[in-house]
Protein backbone atom coordinates (compact mmCIF):
# COMPACT_ATOMS: atom_id res chain seq x y z
CA MET A 1 -10.87 7.83 -17.21
CA ALA A 2 -7.25 8.78 -16.47
CA SER A 3 -5.10 5.83 -15.53
CA ARG A 4 -3.19 6.81 -11.84
CA LEU A 5 0.46 6.62 -11.85
CA ILE A 6 2.80 6.03 -8.92
CA ILE A 7 6.49 7.93 -9.37
CA ASN A 8 8.78 6.01 -6.89
CA ALA A 9 12.15 6.55 -6.29
CA ASP A 10 14.42 3.52 -5.09
CA ASP A 11 17.44 3.78 -2.38
CA PHE A 12 16.30 7.08 -0.60
CA GLY A 13 18.64 7.37 1.97
CA LEU A 14 21.22 5.80 0.52
CA THR A 15 23.17 8.70 -0.39
CA PRO A 16 22.72 12.67 0.70
CA GLY A 17 23.25 13.18 -3.45
CA ILE A 18 20.18 10.82 -3.62
CA ASN A 19 18.17 12.39 -0.84
CA ARG A 20 18.69 15.56 -2.65
CA ALA A 21 17.71 14.56 -5.98
CA ILE A 22 14.13 12.86 -4.20
CA ALA A 23 13.46 16.34 -2.58
CA GLN A 24 14.15 18.46 -6.08
CA LEU A 25 11.98 15.79 -8.23
CA HIS A 26 9.18 15.89 -5.38
CA GLU A 27 8.84 19.80 -5.33
CA ALA A 28 8.89 20.00 -9.03
CA GLY A 29 6.12 17.86 -9.54
CA ALA A 30 8.00 14.72 -11.32
CA LEU A 31 7.92 12.22 -8.03
CA THR A 32 4.94 11.49 -5.65
CA SER A 33 6.62 8.64 -3.72
CA ALA A 34 9.88 7.31 -2.47
CA THR A 35 10.83 4.10 -0.59
CA LEU A 36 13.52 4.58 2.40
CA MET A 37 16.41 1.99 3.15
CA ALA A 38 16.47 1.37 6.66
CA THR A 39 20.17 0.93 7.07
CA GLY A 40 20.97 3.83 4.40
CA ALA A 41 24.08 5.66 4.94
CA ALA A 42 22.26 8.82 4.50
CA PHE A 43 19.00 7.41 6.72
CA ASP A 44 19.06 10.36 9.49
CA ASP A 45 18.85 12.95 6.58
CA ALA A 46 16.36 11.26 4.37
CA VAL A 47 14.01 11.12 7.44
CA SER A 48 14.22 14.82 7.68
CA ILE A 49 13.30 15.62 4.14
CA ALA A 50 10.81 13.21 4.38
CA ARG A 51 9.28 15.33 7.26
CA ALA A 52 9.62 18.33 4.89
CA HIS A 53 7.48 16.93 2.45
CA PRO A 54 4.44 15.75 3.86
CA THR A 55 3.03 15.02 0.38
CA LEU A 56 5.83 12.89 -0.49
CA GLY A 57 4.37 8.88 0.31
CA ILE A 58 7.27 7.16 1.97
CA GLY A 59 7.59 3.23 1.85
CA CYS A 60 10.18 0.90 3.46
CA HIS A 61 12.77 -0.21 0.77
CA ILE A 62 13.15 -3.80 2.28
CA VAL A 63 16.83 -5.10 1.68
CA LEU A 64 17.43 -8.77 2.03
CA THR A 65 20.44 -9.19 -0.08
CA ASP A 66 23.69 -7.22 -0.67
CA GLY A 67 23.55 -4.91 2.59
CA ILE A 68 23.46 -5.19 6.19
CA PRO A 69 20.59 -5.97 8.66
CA VAL A 70 18.76 -4.16 11.35
CA SER A 71 18.19 -7.69 13.30
CA PRO A 72 20.94 -9.20 15.61
CA PRO A 73 22.76 -11.30 13.10
CA GLN A 74 22.00 -14.48 15.34
CA SER A 75 18.62 -13.84 15.21
CA ILE A 76 18.24 -14.51 11.19
CA PRO A 77 20.78 -16.66 10.43
CA THR A 78 19.53 -18.16 7.09
CA LEU A 79 19.78 -14.73 5.69
CA LEU A 80 23.20 -14.48 6.35
CA GLY A 81 26.39 -15.18 3.71
CA ALA A 82 29.30 -16.68 4.72
CA ASP A 83 30.56 -13.86 7.01
CA GLY A 84 27.41 -14.30 9.38
CA LYS A 85 26.74 -10.82 9.55
CA THR A 86 25.79 -9.58 6.07
CA PHE A 87 23.26 -10.53 3.92
CA ARG A 88 24.06 -12.96 0.76
CA PRO A 89 25.97 -10.54 -1.38
CA SER A 90 24.12 -10.84 -4.93
CA LEU A 91 20.51 -11.64 -6.39
CA LEU A 92 21.65 -14.82 -7.70
CA ASP A 93 22.87 -16.11 -4.00
CA PHE A 94 19.53 -15.39 -2.58
CA VAL A 95 17.25 -16.68 -4.89
CA GLN A 96 19.37 -20.35 -4.87
CA ALA A 97 19.15 -20.14 -1.26
CA LEU A 98 15.55 -19.44 -1.52
CA LEU A 99 14.73 -21.90 -4.05
CA ARG A 100 16.37 -24.58 -2.10
CA GLY A 101 14.41 -23.48 1.22
CA ILE A 102 17.23 -22.72 3.23
CA ILE A 103 15.75 -19.17 3.77
CA ARG A 104 13.38 -19.36 6.60
CA GLU A 105 10.23 -17.13 6.26
CA ASP A 106 10.14 -16.48 9.74
CA ASP A 107 13.82 -14.88 9.41
CA ILE A 108 12.22 -13.00 6.48
CA GLU A 109 9.34 -11.36 8.56
CA ARG A 110 12.06 -11.13 11.74
CA GLU A 111 13.98 -8.63 9.08
CA ALA A 112 11.67 -7.04 7.25
CA LEU A 113 9.66 -6.17 10.85
CA ALA A 114 13.01 -4.71 12.00
CA GLN A 115 13.19 -2.67 9.07
CA ILE A 116 9.70 -1.29 8.68
CA GLN A 117 9.75 -0.67 12.62
CA LYS A 118 12.77 1.57 12.42
CA LEU A 119 11.15 3.82 9.96
CA GLN A 120 7.97 4.06 12.11
CA ARG A 121 10.14 4.85 15.28
CA ALA A 122 11.86 7.58 13.32
CA GLY A 123 7.82 8.48 12.53
CA ILE A 124 7.68 7.61 8.98
CA ASP A 125 4.12 6.80 7.95
CA VAL A 126 5.28 4.01 6.05
CA THR A 127 3.08 3.70 2.59
CA HIS A 128 3.84 0.54 1.54
CA ILE A 129 6.80 -1.66 0.83
CA ASP A 130 9.04 -2.93 -1.87
CA THR A 131 12.23 -4.82 -2.23
CA HIS A 132 15.65 -4.19 -2.92
CA LYS A 133 16.49 -6.21 -6.76
CA HIS A 134 12.70 -7.17 -6.60
CA THR A 135 13.33 -10.13 -4.38
CA HIS A 136 9.53 -10.31 -3.43
CA LEU A 137 9.05 -11.77 -6.86
CA PHE A 138 9.40 -14.93 -5.57
CA PRO A 139 6.35 -16.37 -3.18
CA ALA A 140 8.61 -17.71 -0.76
CA ALA A 141 9.89 -13.52 -0.16
CA SER A 142 6.37 -12.08 -0.98
CA ARG A 143 4.51 -14.45 1.39
CA PRO A 144 6.09 -13.14 4.57
CA LEU A 145 6.74 -10.09 3.56
CA LEU A 146 2.63 -9.26 2.84
CA HIS A 147 1.93 -11.00 6.34
CA ILE A 148 4.20 -8.40 8.00
CA ALA A 149 2.64 -5.85 5.81
CA GLN A 150 -0.59 -6.67 7.27
CA ARG A 151 0.70 -6.88 10.91
CA CYS A 152 1.93 -3.27 10.89
CA SER A 153 -0.91 -1.66 9.32
CA ILE A 154 0.93 -1.02 5.68
CA GLY A 155 -1.78 -1.04 3.19
CA ALA A 156 0.17 -1.60 -0.20
CA ILE A 157 2.96 -3.65 -1.83
CA ARG A 158 5.06 -3.02 -5.14
CA ASN A 159 3.83 -5.50 -8.06
CA PRO A 160 6.86 -6.40 -9.19
CA PHE A 161 5.88 -7.41 -12.48
CA GLU A 162 6.00 -5.60 -15.91
CA PRO A 163 2.67 -5.00 -17.81
CA ALA A 164 2.88 -6.44 -21.20
CA PHE A 165 2.62 -3.33 -22.89
CA THR A 166 5.84 -2.11 -21.43
CA ARG A 167 7.48 -5.10 -21.56
CA ARG A 168 6.87 -5.36 -25.55
CA LEU A 169 9.26 -1.69 -25.82
CA PRO A 170 12.53 -1.79 -27.26
CA HIS A 171 13.71 -0.11 -24.18
CA ALA A 172 15.53 -2.68 -22.58
CA PRO A 173 18.38 -5.17 -23.70
CA LEU A 174 17.18 -8.58 -25.03
CA LYS A 175 18.60 -10.35 -22.44
CA ARG A 176 16.63 -8.43 -19.70
CA ARG A 177 13.81 -8.71 -21.69
CA LEU A 178 13.89 -12.33 -21.81
CA GLN A 179 14.80 -12.50 -17.91
CA PHE A 180 11.43 -10.64 -17.37
CA ALA A 181 9.33 -12.50 -19.67
CA LEU A 182 10.69 -16.08 -17.94
CA LEU A 183 9.77 -14.27 -14.45
CA LYS A 184 6.03 -13.37 -15.55
CA THR A 185 5.25 -16.81 -15.07
CA LEU A 186 5.15 -16.13 -11.26
CA ARG A 187 2.52 -13.37 -11.49
CA PRO A 188 -0.19 -15.58 -10.96
CA ARG A 189 1.13 -17.14 -7.87
CA PHE A 190 1.84 -13.47 -6.47
CA THR A 191 -1.61 -12.03 -7.46
CA GLN A 192 -3.31 -15.21 -5.37
CA LEU A 193 -1.67 -14.93 -2.09
CA SER A 194 -4.04 -14.09 0.89
CA GLN A 195 -3.47 -10.65 1.35
CA LEU A 196 -3.79 -9.55 -2.00
CA ARG A 197 -6.99 -12.05 -3.17
CA HIS A 198 -8.65 -10.48 0.14
CA ALA A 199 -7.49 -7.16 -0.60
CA HIS A 200 -5.84 -6.79 2.91
CA VAL A 201 -2.78 -5.35 1.07
CA LEU A 202 -3.27 -3.65 -2.23
CA THR A 203 -0.94 -3.18 -4.87
CA THR A 204 -1.14 -1.50 -8.95
CA ASP A 205 -1.74 -3.27 -12.30
CA GLY A 206 2.30 -3.65 -12.66
CA THR A 207 5.24 -1.47 -12.26
CA LEU A 208 7.01 0.16 -15.31
CA GLY A 209 10.05 0.76 -15.93
CA VAL A 210 12.05 -2.60 -14.30
CA SER A 211 13.31 -4.34 -17.60
CA ALA A 212 14.54 -0.28 -18.38
CA THR A 213 16.66 -0.04 -14.70
CA GLY A 214 19.77 1.56 -15.91
CA ASN A 215 18.56 2.95 -19.32
CA VAL A 216 15.72 5.42 -18.44
CA THR A 217 16.57 8.22 -20.60
CA PRO A 218 14.22 10.87 -21.51
CA ALA A 219 13.34 9.20 -24.60
CA THR A 220 12.70 6.01 -23.16
CA LEU A 221 10.56 7.83 -19.93
CA THR A 222 8.94 9.09 -22.73
CA GLU A 223 7.75 5.91 -24.78
CA ILE A 224 7.01 4.23 -21.23
CA LEU A 225 4.46 6.95 -20.17
CA ASN A 226 3.21 7.50 -24.21
CA ALA A 227 2.01 3.88 -23.77
CA LEU A 228 0.08 3.97 -20.52
CA PRO A 229 -3.47 2.73 -21.45
CA SER A 230 -6.59 4.81 -20.49
CA GLY A 231 -7.05 3.19 -16.99
CA GLY A 232 -5.82 1.29 -14.27
CA THR A 233 -3.16 2.13 -11.76
CA TYR A 234 0.45 1.68 -12.14
CA GLU A 235 3.89 2.48 -10.82
CA ILE A 236 7.11 3.66 -12.40
CA VAL A 237 10.23 2.65 -10.70
CA CYS A 238 13.13 4.66 -10.97
CA HIS A 239 16.50 5.63 -9.24
CA PRO A 240 17.50 9.05 -9.63
CA GLY A 241 20.57 10.64 -7.64
CA TYR A 242 23.53 12.66 -7.81
CA ASN A 243 26.58 10.96 -9.05
CA ASP A 244 29.03 12.19 -6.35
CA ALA A 245 31.82 11.22 -3.75
CA ASP A 246 29.45 9.77 -1.39
CA LEU A 247 27.86 7.41 -4.13
CA ASP A 248 31.51 6.42 -4.72
CA ARG A 249 31.88 4.90 -1.26
CA VAL A 250 28.75 2.57 -1.66
CA ARG A 251 27.84 -0.39 -3.61
CA THR A 252 25.76 0.38 -6.79
CA ARG A 253 26.14 -0.71 -10.41
CA LEU A 254 23.92 2.75 -11.01
CA ARG A 255 25.90 5.81 -11.14
CA SER A 256 26.26 7.93 -13.80
CA HIS A 257 22.75 6.80 -14.81
CA ARG A 258 20.93 8.54 -11.67
CA GLU A 259 21.63 11.54 -12.92
CA ILE A 260 20.22 10.85 -16.58
CA GLU A 261 17.02 8.96 -15.00
CA MET A 262 16.77 12.53 -12.94
CA GLN A 263 16.76 14.62 -16.12
CA ALA A 264 13.94 12.39 -17.74
CA LEU A 265 11.82 12.87 -14.85
CA LEU A 266 12.02 16.58 -14.91
CA ARG A 267 11.49 16.62 -18.81
CA ALA A 268 9.14 13.61 -19.92
CA ILE A 269 6.42 14.25 -16.56
CA PRO A 270 5.35 17.66 -17.28
CA ALA A 271 5.20 16.60 -20.62
CA ILE A 272 2.76 13.67 -20.06
CA LEU A 273 0.82 16.09 -17.79
CA MET A 274 0.22 18.70 -20.80
CA GLN A 275 -1.01 16.01 -22.83
CA PRO A 276 -4.87 15.53 -23.40
CA ASN A 277 -6.68 13.01 -20.42
CA PRO A 278 -2.96 12.90 -18.04
CA PRO A 279 -2.71 10.30 -15.66
CA GLU A 280 -3.36 11.43 -12.24
CA LEU A 281 -0.44 11.52 -10.16
CA ILE A 282 -0.72 9.79 -6.66
CA HIS A 283 1.51 7.70 -3.89
CA TYR A 284 0.66 4.23 -2.10
CA GLY A 285 -1.06 6.15 0.65
CA ASN A 286 -3.81 7.13 -1.87
CA LEU A 287 -5.03 3.75 -2.36
CA GLY A 288 -8.08 2.01 -0.55
CA ALA A 289 -9.67 2.79 2.40
CA PHE A 290 -6.43 4.11 4.15
CA ASP A 291 -6.93 7.08 1.80
CA THR A 292 -9.72 8.50 2.98
CA LEU A 293 -8.60 7.92 6.39
CA ARG A 294 -5.26 9.55 5.59
CA GLU A 295 -7.24 12.54 3.97
CA ASN A 296 -9.88 12.75 7.41
CA GLY A 297 -7.40 12.56 9.62
CA GLN A 298 -8.29 9.64 11.19
CA PHE A 299 -5.38 7.01 10.03
CA SER A 300 -2.98 6.15 13.11
CA PRO A 301 -0.11 4.47 11.32
CA ASN A 302 2.13 2.30 13.88
CA THR A 303 4.35 3.69 16.11
CA GLY A 304 7.14 0.99 15.71
CA TYR A 305 6.64 -0.28 19.06
CA GLU A 306 3.88 -2.53 18.78
CA LYS A 307 4.16 -6.26 19.13
CA VAL A 308 3.58 -7.83 16.11
CA LEU A 309 5.65 -11.40 16.18
């Protein structure tokens, strides 16, 4: 039995060059899914591309750090940094506040709902959620996010944990591998959250390429794909795009490497599909009962105007 593989690009909507790369990769059969940033500078352009590519699964890339909120700042005070207007500027700041109990889960729910409903009001059938910088590694973040996903009729969430078979590969720096080895201790708490345990919201068996972020070359991507087991459902996370003037104007540590990742996908994905027993390429909307409903035209995604909280 072949494995099932979701190839998801983060940061959809961040710049027109990232949007263009996502469209081109999907048209080439090298990308199945993308997660859209509700406050991205190129949000409207991304929505137009999503509508023009109905076979591209679209999730919501929920931002809780290093960005601006959709909600009125006064309604989510515990999520904000020192200026009282934007999120905390770094992942470390966010995690420290989260572990100290400073961040209220209802603030996370309120902001996640605002971001999701912005996509839904634009006519997007949101297939899943994930988070900028994988903040839902921590139960205090994943718990409210799963609650909102279920209430918004979103059937899946990214599994932020990398499986052992790729963590052992030498494609990531030692420091990053050690960091993710420590974080894997949180995985049992993630999988035992109520929505996942009762399959109200689905996830994969793991996400590939997390530890390789910033180092996804044709060689490392091929190495990851060749390590895929014969069964199971996995996601590859990637950050393709064009390193252009628009990208220069936004805060991101991934610049020149975005074009390298794009070329890696264009080379490695067709090659793996030519091998015996290749993985089945899917997106998050193909998981579970919602897939059947979508195929039969019976799934009615939320409009974004529902009363949820």
